[in-house]
Amino acid sequence: MTTYRGQVLDALGDATRRSIFEILAAGPRSVAEIAADLPISRPAVSQHLKVLREAELVSSTASGTRRLYAVDPRGLAAVREYFDQFWNQALAAFADVVENPAEERQ
């Protein structure tokens, strides 16, 4: 696993950051809006967002005097690519079993 993938998985390994990521999956939100849905302070939300931004899972844009945070599709694609490799291996193993039943392999 590359360092980047490790950073992404580490970022999502924290339950609070996963909650923030899931909140943002519904659409862009400000720190105040995110904090309103969680039992943590705005500064704590900001710290978690910083980790998610560094892992390229979240992006931010200026909107007047506040910043809006959203899921970064590129980071999400990297997560999917990582897990797809396991899915592809599982499908290949399943196909092998179906195409070559145990009687034929002995």
N, C-alpha and C. Protein backbone atom coordinates (compact mmCIF):
# COMPACT_ATOMS: atom_id res chain seq x y z
N MET A 1 0.86 -1.18 0.00
CA MET A 1 0.00 0.00 0.00
C MET A 1 0.90 1.23 0.00
N THR A 2 0.58 2.18 -0.83
CA THR A 2 1.39 3.39 -0.90
C THR A 2 1.15 4.27 0.32
N THR A 3 2.03 5.21 0.53
CA THR A 3 1.88 6.14 1.65
C THR A 3 0.59 6.92 1.54
N TYR A 4 0.25 7.37 0.33
CA TYR A 4 -0.98 8.14 0.16
C TYR A 4 -2.20 7.33 0.57
N ARG A 5 -2.26 6.08 0.12
CA ARG A 5 -3.40 5.24 0.49
C ARG A 5 -3.45 5.03 1.99
N GLY A 6 -2.28 4.86 2.59
CA GLY A 6 -2.24 4.71 4.05
C GLY A 6 -2.76 5.94 4.74
N GLN A 7 -2.42 7.10 4.22
CA GLN A 7 -2.89 8.37 4.80
C GLN A 7 -4.41 8.48 4.68
N VAL A 8 -4.95 8.05 3.55
CA VAL A 8 -6.39 8.10 3.33
C VAL A 8 -7.10 7.17 4.31
N LEU A 9 -6.60 5.94 4.42
CA LEU A 9 -7.25 4.99 5.32
C LEU A 9 -7.10 5.41 6.78
N ASP A 10 -5.95 5.98 7.13
CA ASP A 10 -5.77 6.49 8.49
C ASP A 10 -6.76 7.60 8.77
N ALA A 11 -6.97 8.48 7.80
CA ALA A 11 -7.91 9.60 7.99
C ALA A 11 -9.32 9.09 8.23
N LEU A 12 -9.71 8.05 7.51
CA LEU A 12 -11.05 7.51 7.67
C LEU A 12 -11.14 6.51 8.82
N GLY A 13 -10.00 6.18 9.41
CA GLY A 13 -9.98 5.25 10.53
C GLY A 13 -10.54 5.84 11.82
N ASP A 14 -10.64 7.15 11.88
CA ASP A 14 -11.19 7.82 13.05
C ASP A 14 -12.70 7.96 12.89
N ALA A 15 -13.44 7.55 13.90
CA ALA A 15 -14.91 7.57 13.81
C ALA A 15 -15.48 8.98 13.59
N THR A 16 -14.89 9.98 14.22
CA THR A 16 -15.38 11.35 14.04
C THR A 16 -15.14 11.83 12.62
N ARG A 17 -13.96 11.53 12.08
CA ARG A 17 -13.68 11.93 10.69
C ARG A 17 -14.59 11.19 9.71
N ARG A 18 -14.88 9.92 9.99
CA ARG A 18 -15.82 9.20 9.13
C ARG A 18 -17.20 9.87 9.18
N SER A 19 -17.61 10.28 10.36
CA SER A 19 -18.91 10.97 10.50
C SER A 19 -18.92 12.26 9.69
N ILE A 20 -17.84 13.02 9.79
CA ILE A 20 -17.74 14.27 9.03
C ILE A 20 -17.79 13.97 7.54
N PHE A 21 -17.05 12.97 7.10
CA PHE A 21 -17.03 12.57 5.69
C PHE A 21 -18.43 12.18 5.23
N GLU A 22 -19.15 11.43 6.06
CA GLU A 22 -20.51 11.03 5.71
C GLU A 22 -21.46 12.22 5.65
N ILE A 23 -21.30 13.17 6.56
CA ILE A 23 -22.11 14.39 6.53
C ILE A 23 -21.87 15.14 5.23
N LEU A 24 -20.60 15.24 4.84
CA LEU A 24 -20.25 15.98 3.62
C LEU A 24 -20.70 15.25 2.35
N ALA A 25 -20.91 13.94 2.45
CA ALA A 25 -21.41 13.20 1.29
C ALA A 25 -22.79 13.70 0.87
N ALA A 26 -23.53 14.29 1.81
CA ALA A 26 -24.85 14.83 1.49
C ALA A 26 -24.77 16.19 0.80
N GLY A 27 -23.60 16.81 0.84
CA GLY A 27 -23.42 18.11 0.19
C GLY A 27 -22.50 19.01 0.99
N PRO A 28 -22.04 20.09 0.38
CA PRO A 28 -21.11 21.02 1.04
C PRO A 28 -21.70 21.62 2.32
N ARG A 29 -20.84 21.78 3.31
CA ARG A 29 -21.26 22.37 4.58
C ARG A 29 -20.14 23.22 5.16
N SER A 30 -20.52 24.16 6.00
CA SER A 30 -19.55 24.97 6.74
C SER A 30 -19.16 24.22 8.02
N VAL A 31 -18.11 24.71 8.67
CA VAL A 31 -17.68 24.12 9.94
C VAL A 31 -18.83 24.18 10.95
N ALA A 32 -19.52 25.31 11.02
CA ALA A 32 -20.62 25.47 11.97
C ALA A 32 -21.73 24.46 11.69
N GLU A 33 -22.05 24.24 10.43
CA GLU A 33 -23.10 23.29 10.08
C GLU A 33 -22.69 21.86 10.44
N ILE A 34 -21.43 21.54 10.21
CA ILE A 34 -20.93 20.20 10.57
C ILE A 34 -20.97 20.03 12.08
N ALA A 35 -20.46 21.03 12.80
CA ALA A 35 -20.40 20.96 14.27
C ALA A 35 -21.80 20.82 14.88
N ALA A 36 -22.80 21.40 14.23
CA ALA A 36 -24.17 21.30 14.75
C ALA A 36 -24.68 19.86 14.74
N ASP A 37 -24.12 19.03 13.87
CA ASP A 37 -24.55 17.63 13.76
C ASP A 37 -23.70 16.68 14.60
N LEU A 38 -22.68 17.21 15.28
CA LEU A 38 -21.76 16.36 16.04
C LEU A 38 -21.59 16.86 17.47
N PRO A 39 -21.20 15.97 18.37
CA PRO A 39 -20.99 16.39 19.76
C PRO A 39 -19.58 16.91 20.03
N ILE A 40 -19.03 17.66 19.07
CA ILE A 40 -17.69 18.23 19.24
C ILE A 40 -17.72 19.71 18.87
N SER A 41 -16.69 20.44 19.30
CA SER A 41 -16.62 21.88 19.07
C SER A 41 -16.23 22.21 17.63
N ARG A 42 -16.44 23.45 17.25
CA ARG A 42 -16.01 23.91 15.92
C ARG A 42 -14.51 23.77 15.72
N PRO A 43 -13.67 24.15 16.73
CA PRO A 43 -12.23 23.96 16.53
C PRO A 43 -11.87 22.48 16.31
N ALA A 44 -12.55 21.58 16.99
CA ALA A 44 -12.29 20.15 16.80
C ALA A 44 -12.68 19.72 15.38
N VAL A 45 -13.81 20.23 14.90
CA VAL A 45 -14.23 19.93 13.52
C VAL A 45 -13.18 20.43 12.56
N SER A 46 -12.67 21.64 12.79
CA SER A 46 -11.64 22.20 11.91
C SER A 46 -10.39 21.33 11.88
N GLN A 47 -10.00 20.82 13.03
CA GLN A 47 -8.82 19.94 13.08
C GLN A 47 -9.06 18.66 12.29
N HIS A 48 -10.23 18.09 12.43
CA HIS A 48 -10.55 16.88 11.67
C HIS A 48 -10.62 17.17 10.17
N LEU A 49 -11.16 18.33 9.80
CA LEU A 49 -11.21 18.70 8.39
C LEU A 49 -9.81 18.88 7.81
N LYS A 50 -8.90 19.38 8.62
CA LYS A 50 -7.52 19.55 8.16
C LYS A 50 -6.92 18.19 7.79
N VAL A 51 -7.16 17.18 8.62
CA VAL A 51 -6.65 15.84 8.32
C VAL A 51 -7.29 15.30 7.05
N LEU A 52 -8.59 15.49 6.91
CA LEU A 52 -9.29 15.02 5.71
C LEU A 52 -8.82 15.75 4.46
N ARG A 53 -8.53 17.05 4.58
CA ARG A 53 -7.99 17.82 3.44
C ARG A 53 -6.61 17.32 3.06
N GLU A 54 -5.75 17.08 4.07
CA GLU A 54 -4.40 16.59 3.80
C GLU A 54 -4.42 15.22 3.12
N ALA A 55 -5.43 14.43 3.42
CA ALA A 55 -5.59 13.12 2.79
C ALA A 55 -6.31 13.24 1.44
N GLU A 56 -6.64 14.46 1.04
CA GLU A 56 -7.33 14.77 -0.21
C GLU A 56 -8.70 14.12 -0.31
N LEU A 57 -9.34 13.94 0.83
CA LEU A 57 -10.70 13.40 0.85
C LEU A 57 -11.75 14.51 0.85
N VAL A 58 -11.33 15.71 1.25
CA VAL A 58 -12.22 16.85 1.37
C VAL A 58 -11.56 18.06 0.72
N SER A 59 -12.35 18.87 0.07
CA SER A 59 -11.86 20.13 -0.48
C SER A 59 -12.66 21.27 0.15
N SER A 60 -12.16 22.48 0.01
CA SER A 60 -12.88 23.63 0.55
C SER A 60 -12.88 24.77 -0.46
N THR A 61 -13.95 25.56 -0.39
CA THR A 61 -14.06 26.75 -1.24
C THR A 61 -14.59 27.89 -0.39
N ALA A 62 -14.16 29.09 -0.75
CA ALA A 62 -14.63 30.28 -0.04
C ALA A 62 -16.03 30.62 -0.51
N SER A 63 -16.87 30.97 0.47
CA SER A 63 -18.24 31.40 0.17
C SER A 63 -18.54 32.58 1.09
N GLY A 64 -18.26 33.78 0.61
CA GLY A 64 -18.41 34.97 1.45
C GLY A 64 -17.33 34.96 2.52
N THR A 65 -17.75 35.03 3.77
CA THR A 65 -16.79 35.07 4.88
C THR A 65 -16.54 33.69 5.49
N ARG A 66 -17.10 32.66 4.90
CA ARG A 66 -16.89 31.31 5.44
C ARG A 66 -16.38 30.37 4.35
N ARG A 67 -15.96 29.22 4.78
CA ARG A 67 -15.50 28.20 3.86
C ARG A 67 -16.49 27.06 3.86
N LEU A 68 -16.75 26.53 2.68
CA LEU A 68 -17.61 25.36 2.56
C LEU A 68 -16.73 24.16 2.23
N TYR A 69 -17.00 23.07 2.90
CA TYR A 69 -16.24 21.84 2.73
C TYR A 69 -17.10 20.82 2.01
N ALA A 70 -16.46 20.03 1.15
CA ALA A 70 -17.18 19.02 0.37
C ALA A 70 -16.27 17.82 0.15
N VAL A 71 -16.87 16.69 -0.15
CA VAL A 71 -16.10 15.49 -0.48
C VAL A 71 -15.36 15.76 -1.78
N ASP A 72 -14.07 15.43 -1.80
CA ASP A 72 -13.26 15.57 -3.01
C ASP A 72 -13.38 14.28 -3.82
N PRO A 73 -13.98 14.35 -5.01
CA PRO A 73 -14.18 13.12 -5.80
C PRO A 73 -12.89 12.38 -6.11
N ARG A 74 -11.79 13.10 -6.23
CA ARG A 74 -10.51 12.42 -6.53
C ARG A 74 -10.08 11.54 -5.36
N GLY A 75 -10.25 12.04 -4.15
CA GLY A 75 -9.90 11.24 -2.98
C GLY A 75 -10.81 10.05 -2.83
N LEU A 76 -12.08 10.25 -3.11
CA LEU A 76 -13.03 9.15 -3.04
C LEU A 76 -12.70 8.08 -4.08
N ALA A 77 -12.27 8.51 -5.26
CA ALA A 77 -11.87 7.57 -6.31
C ALA A 77 -10.68 6.73 -5.85
N ALA A 78 -9.74 7.34 -5.14
CA ALA A 78 -8.58 6.60 -4.63
C ALA A 78 -8.99 5.54 -3.62
N VAL A 79 -9.96 5.87 -2.77
CA VAL A 79 -10.46 4.90 -1.79
C VAL A 79 -11.13 3.73 -2.52
N ARG A 80 -11.94 4.08 -3.49
CA ARG A 80 -12.63 3.03 -4.25
C ARG A 80 -11.63 2.15 -4.99
N GLU A 81 -10.63 2.74 -5.60
CA GLU A 81 -9.62 1.97 -6.31
C GLU A 81 -8.93 0.99 -5.37
N TYR A 82 -8.63 1.44 -4.17
CA TYR A 82 -7.97 0.58 -3.19
C TYR A 82 -8.84 -0.64 -2.87
N PHE A 83 -10.12 -0.40 -2.57
CA PHE A 83 -10.99 -1.51 -2.20
C PHE A 83 -11.40 -2.36 -3.40
N ASP A 84 -11.43 -1.77 -4.59
CA ASP A 84 -11.76 -2.54 -5.80
C ASP A 84 -10.76 -3.67 -6.04
N GLN A 85 -9.51 -3.47 -5.68
CA GLN A 85 -8.52 -4.53 -5.91
C GLN A 85 -8.90 -5.79 -5.13
N PHE A 86 -9.44 -5.63 -3.93
CA PHE A 86 -9.85 -6.79 -3.15
C PHE A 86 -11.11 -7.42 -3.74
N TRP A 87 -12.02 -6.58 -4.18
CA TRP A 87 -13.24 -7.06 -4.80
C TRP A 87 -12.90 -7.85 -6.06
N ASN A 88 -12.00 -7.31 -6.88
CA ASN A 88 -11.60 -7.99 -8.12
C ASN A 88 -10.94 -9.33 -7.82
N GLN A 89 -10.11 -9.39 -6.78
CA GLN A 89 -9.48 -10.66 -6.40
C GLN A 89 -10.53 -11.67 -5.94
N ALA A 90 -11.50 -11.21 -5.16
CA ALA A 90 -12.56 -12.10 -4.68
C ALA A 90 -13.39 -12.63 -5.84
N LEU A 91 -13.71 -11.76 -6.79
CA LEU A 91 -14.49 -12.21 -7.96
C LEU A 91 -13.70 -13.21 -8.79
N ALA A 92 -12.42 -12.97 -8.96
CA ALA A 92 -11.58 -13.90 -9.73
C ALA A 92 -11.52 -15.26 -9.04
N ALA A 93 -11.38 -15.27 -7.72
CA ALA A 93 -11.35 -16.53 -6.97
C ALA A 93 -12.69 -17.25 -7.08
N PHE A 94 -13.78 -16.51 -7.01
CA PHE A 94 -15.11 -17.11 -7.15
C PHE A 94 -15.28 -17.72 -8.54
N ALA A 95 -14.87 -16.97 -9.55
CA ALA A 95 -14.98 -17.47 -10.92
C ALA A 95 -14.16 -18.75 -11.09
N ASP A 96 -13.00 -18.81 -10.48
CA ASP A 96 -12.15 -20.00 -10.57
C ASP A 96 -12.86 -21.21 -9.95
N VAL A 97 -13.49 -21.01 -8.81
CA VAL A 97 -14.20 -22.12 -8.14
C VAL A 97 -15.38 -22.57 -8.98
N VAL A 98 -16.11 -21.64 -9.56
CA VAL A 98 -17.28 -21.98 -10.37
C VAL A 98 -16.86 -22.70 -11.64
N GLU A 99 -15.80 -22.20 -12.28
CA GLU A 99 -15.36 -22.79 -13.54
C GLU A 99 -14.59 -24.09 -13.35
N ASN A 100 -14.01 -24.30 -12.19
CA ASN A 100 -13.22 -25.49 -11.91
C ASN A 100 -13.67 -26.10 -10.59
N PRO A 101 -14.78 -26.82 -10.60
CA PRO A 101 -15.27 -27.42 -9.36
C PRO A 101 -14.20 -28.30 -8.71
N ALA A 102 -14.35 -28.56 -7.42
CA ALA A 102 -13.36 -29.31 -6.64
C ALA A 102 -13.05 -30.66 -7.26
N GLU A 103 -14.04 -31.33 -7.85
CA GLU A 103 -13.79 -32.64 -8.45
C GLU A 103 -12.75 -32.56 -9.57
N GLU A 104 -12.80 -31.49 -10.35
CA GLU A 104 -11.88 -31.34 -11.47
C GLU A 104 -10.48 -30.97 -11.02
N ARG A 105 -10.36 -30.31 -9.87
CA ARG A 105 -9.04 -29.84 -9.39
C ARG A 105 -8.26 -30.95 -8.72
N GLN A 106 -8.89 -32.08 -8.38
CA GLN A 106 -8.18 -33.15 -7.67
C GLN A 106 -7.46 -34.06 -8.59
